[in-house]
Amino acid sequence: MTHFLIESPHTEKDCAMIVKETMAIGYLTHFYWGCKKDDHRGWAIIEAENEKEALLSVPSLLRGKSKAIQIVQFNPKEVESW
């Protein structure tokens, strides 16, 4: 599986609805939120086969605005070989 960093922006007006929808689709515990500091975005690291599958962790209302960025971790041997 591939790891994706999800960034999901929303408005203050839509905040409660988006958080509730994220809970309804089963991903509330995957996300961290900036909302209490007036930064209305959610972030999560999701394992998925591809970007489209990773975005299924986001309520459908936000999928067009959200990003799924493929991420990797480097190990010490890779870094040393650079």
Protein backbone atom coordinates (compact mmCIF):
# COMPACT_ATOMS: atom_id res chain seq x y z
CA MET A 1 0.00 0.00 0.00
CA THR A 2 0.99 3.57 -0.63
CA HIS A 3 0.72 6.36 1.93
CA PHE A 4 -1.01 9.64 1.12
CA LEU A 5 -1.16 12.89 3.05
CA ILE A 6 -4.70 14.22 2.77
CA GLU A 7 -5.36 17.93 3.08
CA SER A 8 -9.02 18.84 3.20
CA PRO A 9 -10.00 22.54 3.38
CA HIS A 10 -13.47 23.71 4.32
CA THR A 11 -15.18 26.88 5.47
CA GLU A 12 -15.99 27.87 9.04
CA LYS A 13 -19.67 27.77 8.05
CA ASP A 14 -19.37 24.13 6.91
CA CYS A 15 -17.06 23.01 9.72
CA ALA A 16 -19.52 21.13 11.98
CA MET A 17 -21.16 19.42 9.01
CA ILE A 18 -17.81 18.31 7.54
CA VAL A 19 -16.55 16.90 10.85
CA LYS A 20 -19.83 15.02 11.35
CA GLU A 21 -19.70 13.63 7.78
CA THR A 22 -16.09 12.56 8.31
CA MET A 23 -17.26 10.67 11.40
CA ALA A 24 -20.18 9.13 9.47
CA ILE A 25 -17.87 7.70 6.79
CA GLY A 26 -15.58 6.25 9.47
CA TYR A 27 -12.49 8.46 9.20
CA LEU A 28 -12.85 10.90 12.12
CA THR A 29 -10.02 9.30 14.12
CA HIS A 30 -7.68 9.48 11.12
CA PHE A 31 -7.89 13.28 10.84
CA TYR A 32 -6.31 16.17 12.69
CA TRP A 33 -8.05 19.52 12.48
CA GLY A 34 -6.94 23.15 12.59
CA CYS A 35 -10.48 24.44 13.15
CA LYS A 36 -10.10 25.43 16.80
CA LYS A 37 -7.30 27.79 15.73
CA ASP A 38 -9.38 29.22 12.85
CA ASP A 39 -7.55 27.19 10.17
CA HIS A 40 -10.39 25.19 8.66
CA ARG A 41 -8.51 22.25 7.22
CA GLY A 42 -8.19 18.61 8.12
CA TRP A 43 -5.09 16.45 7.62
CA ALA A 44 -4.63 12.69 7.66
CA ILE A 45 -2.19 10.04 6.51
CA ILE A 46 -4.09 7.31 4.71
CA GLU A 47 -2.96 4.01 3.19
CA ALA A 48 -4.52 3.47 -0.23
CA GLU A 49 -3.84 1.97 -3.65
CA ASN A 50 -4.02 5.35 -5.41
CA GLU A 51 -4.96 9.01 -5.01
CA LYS A 52 -8.59 8.46 -5.95
CA GLU A 53 -8.99 5.76 -3.30
CA ALA A 54 -7.25 7.93 -0.69
CA LEU A 55 -9.73 10.74 -1.31
CA LEU A 56 -12.59 8.44 -0.31
CA SER A 57 -11.60 9.32 3.27
CA VAL A 58 -12.95 12.83 2.64
CA PRO A 59 -16.67 13.71 2.58
CA SER A 60 -17.88 13.84 -1.03
CA LEU A 61 -18.63 17.57 -0.76
CA LEU A 62 -14.89 18.26 -0.33
CA ARG A 63 -13.24 15.77 -2.67
CA GLY A 64 -12.85 18.28 -5.48
CA LYS A 65 -11.06 20.75 -3.15
CA SER A 66 -8.96 18.21 -1.24
CA LYS A 67 -5.48 16.96 -2.03
CA ALA A 68 -4.01 13.48 -1.72
CA ILE A 69 -0.22 13.73 -1.89
CA GLN A 70 1.78 10.50 -2.15
CA ILE A 71 4.38 10.45 0.63
CA VAL A 72 7.30 8.19 1.55
CA GLN A 73 9.72 7.74 4.42
CA PHE A 74 13.42 7.55 3.71
CA ASN A 75 15.67 5.09 5.46
CA PRO A 76 19.25 5.90 6.51
CA LYS A 77 20.83 3.84 3.70
CA GLU A 78 18.89 5.77 1.05
CA VAL A 79 19.95 9.08 2.56
CA GLU A 80 23.59 8.04 2.81
CA SER A 81 23.67 7.06 -0.86
CA TRP A 82 22.72 10.56 -2.01
